[in-house]
């Protein structure tokens, strides 16, 4: 019985940090989101909306330039 107890003490001692890590991870993932993180998420969402709007404007500009280039190409080819 004493040998079993002597073997169990190191095993229990080694599992304590593992349990602490698992408990800490569980607490962080299930305790709700930090308010600072919410603010950062909102800022990133705003930035994404701005980038999408900018992308649409650039897409329109590229389309206009393609139309102008196509027109000029046809104009030059017709003169030839």
C-alpha atoms as a PDB file:
ATOM      1  CA  UNK A   1       0.000   0.000   0.000  1.00  0.00           C
ATOM      2  CA  UNK A   2       2.857   2.379   0.841  1.00  0.00           C
ATOM      3  CA  UNK A   3       4.504   1.671  -2.510  1.00  0.00           C
ATOM      4  CA  UNK A   4       1.309   2.609  -4.367  1.00  0.00           C
ATOM      5  CA  UNK A   5       1.006   5.815  -2.346  1.00  0.00           C
ATOM      6  CA  UNK A   6       4.669   6.576  -3.033  1.00  0.00           C
ATOM      7  CA  UNK A   7       4.046   6.164  -6.772  1.00  0.00           C
ATOM      8  CA  UNK A   8       0.873   8.245  -6.719  1.00  0.00           C
ATOM      9  CA  UNK A   9       2.490  11.318  -5.141  1.00  0.00           C
ATOM     10  CA  UNK A  10       4.730  12.143  -8.179  1.00  0.00           C
ATOM     11  CA  UNK A  11       1.909  11.344 -10.589  1.00  0.00           C
ATOM     12  CA  UNK A  12      -0.458  13.720  -8.777  1.00  0.00           C
ATOM     13  CA  UNK A  13       2.301  16.328  -8.535  1.00  0.00           C
ATOM     14  CA  UNK A  14       2.827  16.149 -12.309  1.00  0.00           C
ATOM     15  CA  UNK A  15      -0.884  16.399 -13.123  1.00  0.00           C
ATOM     16  CA  UNK A  16      -1.427  19.588 -11.090  1.00  0.00           C
ATOM     17  CA  UNK A  17       0.177  21.923 -13.689  1.00  0.00           C
ATOM     18  CA  UNK A  18      -1.665  20.142 -16.501  1.00  0.00           C
ATOM     19  CA  UNK A  19      -4.995  20.617 -14.737  1.00  0.00           C
ATOM     20  CA  UNK A  20      -4.139  24.263 -14.048  1.00  0.00           C
ATOM     21  CA  UNK A  21      -3.345  24.871 -17.731  1.00  0.00           C
ATOM     22  CA  UNK A  22      -6.537  23.171 -18.855  1.00  0.00           C
ATOM     23  CA  UNK A  23      -8.629  25.067 -16.307  1.00  0.00           C
ATOM     24  CA  UNK A  24      -7.061  28.383 -17.319  1.00  0.00           C
ATOM     25  CA  UNK A  25      -7.681  27.707 -20.989  1.00  0.00           C
ATOM     26  CA  UNK A  26     -11.274  26.698 -20.284  1.00  0.00           C
ATOM     27  CA  UNK A  27     -11.852  29.830 -18.200  1.00  0.00           C
ATOM     28  CA  UNK A  28     -10.433  32.093 -20.921  1.00  0.00           C
ATOM     29  CA  UNK A  29     -12.512  30.550 -23.685  1.00  0.00           C
ATOM     30  CA  UNK A  30     -15.778  30.393 -21.754  1.00  0.00           C
ATOM     31  CA  UNK A  31     -15.675  33.576 -19.693  1.00  0.00           C
ATOM     32  CA  UNK A  32     -16.941  35.948 -22.395  1.00  0.00           C
ATOM     33  CA  UNK A  33     -15.046  38.311 -24.593  1.00  0.00           C
ATOM     34  CA  UNK A  34     -12.824  41.010 -23.171  1.00  0.00           C
ATOM     35  CA  UNK A  35     -14.221  44.548 -23.759  1.00  0.00           C
ATOM     36  CA  UNK A  36     -10.922  45.532 -25.362  1.00  0.00           C
ATOM     37  CA  UNK A  37     -11.367  42.718 -27.838  1.00  0.00           C
ATOM     38  CA  UNK A  38     -14.908  43.919 -28.632  1.00  0.00           C
ATOM     39  CA  UNK A  39     -13.532  47.388 -29.409  1.00  0.00           C
ATOM     40  CA  UNK A  40     -10.823  45.915 -31.628  1.00  0.00           C
ATOM     41  CA  UNK A  41     -13.393  43.778 -33.465  1.00  0.00           C
ATOM     42  CA  UNK A  42     -15.575  46.840 -34.062  1.00  0.00           C
ATOM     43  CA  UNK A  43     -12.584  48.783 -35.398  1.00  0.00           C
ATOM     44  CA  UNK A  44     -11.660  45.926 -37.735  1.00  0.00           C
ATOM     45  CA  UNK A  45     -15.252  45.658 -38.979  1.00  0.00           C
ATOM     46  CA  UNK A  46     -15.269  49.398 -39.689  1.00  0.00           C
ATOM     47  CA  UNK A  47     -11.967  49.118 -41.534  1.00  0.00           C
ATOM     48  CA  UNK A  48     -13.314  46.219 -43.618  1.00  0.00           C
ATOM     49  CA  UNK A  49     -16.359  48.286 -44.599  1.00  0.00           C
ATOM     50  CA  UNK A  50     -14.081  51.174 -45.630  1.00  0.00           C
ATOM     51  CA  UNK A  51     -11.870  48.840 -47.660  1.00  0.00           C
ATOM     52  CA  UNK A  52     -14.880  47.311 -49.399  1.00  0.00           C
ATOM     53  CA  UNK A  53     -16.175  50.760 -50.356  1.00  0.00           C
ATOM     54  CA  UNK A  54     -12.730  51.744 -51.611  1.00  0.00           C
ATOM     55  CA  UNK A  55     -12.511  48.515 -53.587  1.00  0.00           C
ATOM     56  CA  UNK A  56     -15.867  49.253 -55.258  1.00  0.00           C
ATOM     57  CA  UNK A  57     -14.715  52.759 -56.217  1.00  0.00           C
ATOM     58  CA  UNK A  58     -11.485  51.379 -57.676  1.00  0.00           C
ATOM     59  CA  UNK A  59     -13.423  48.731 -59.561  1.00  0.00           C
ATOM     60  CA  UNK A  60     -15.635  51.427 -61.097  1.00  0.00           C
ATOM     61  CA  UNK A  61     -12.572  53.452 -62.059  1.00  0.00           C
ATOM     62  CA  UNK A  62     -10.941  50.438 -63.700  1.00  0.00           C
ATOM     63  CA  UNK A  63     -14.142  49.713 -65.635  1.00  0.00           C
ATOM     64  CA  UNK A  64     -14.284  53.311 -66.872  1.00  0.00           C
ATOM     65  CA  UNK A  65     -10.644  53.172 -67.943  1.00  0.00           C
ATOM     66  CA  UNK A  66     -11.256  49.891 -69.771  1.00  0.00           C
ATOM     67  CA  UNK A  67     -14.197  51.440 -71.617  1.00  0.00           C
ATOM     68  CA  UNK A  68     -12.111  54.475 -72.609  1.00  0.00           C
ATOM     69  CA  UNK A  69      -9.227  52.285 -73.722  1.00  0.00           C
ATOM     70  CA  UNK A  70     -11.590  50.128 -75.759  1.00  0.00           C
ATOM     71  CA  UNK A  71     -13.108  53.219 -77.382  1.00  0.00           C
ATOM     72  CA  UNK A  72      -9.697  54.633 -78.249  1.00  0.00           C
ATOM     73  CA  UNK A  73      -8.556  51.290 -79.644  1.00  0.00           C
ATOM     74  CA  UNK A  74     -11.626  51.083 -81.903  1.00  0.00           C
ATOM     75  CA  UNK A  75     -11.100  54.711 -82.976  1.00  0.00           C
ATOM     76  CA  UNK A  76      -7.468  54.056 -83.935  1.00  0.00           C
ATOM     77  CA  UNK A  77      -8.343  50.817 -85.750  1.00  0.00           C
ATOM     78  CA  UNK A  78     -11.128  52.520 -87.710  1.00  0.00           C
ATOM     79  CA  UNK A  79      -8.719  55.227 -88.941  1.00  0.00           C
ATOM     80  CA  UNK A  80      -6.362  52.596 -90.255  1.00  0.00           C
END
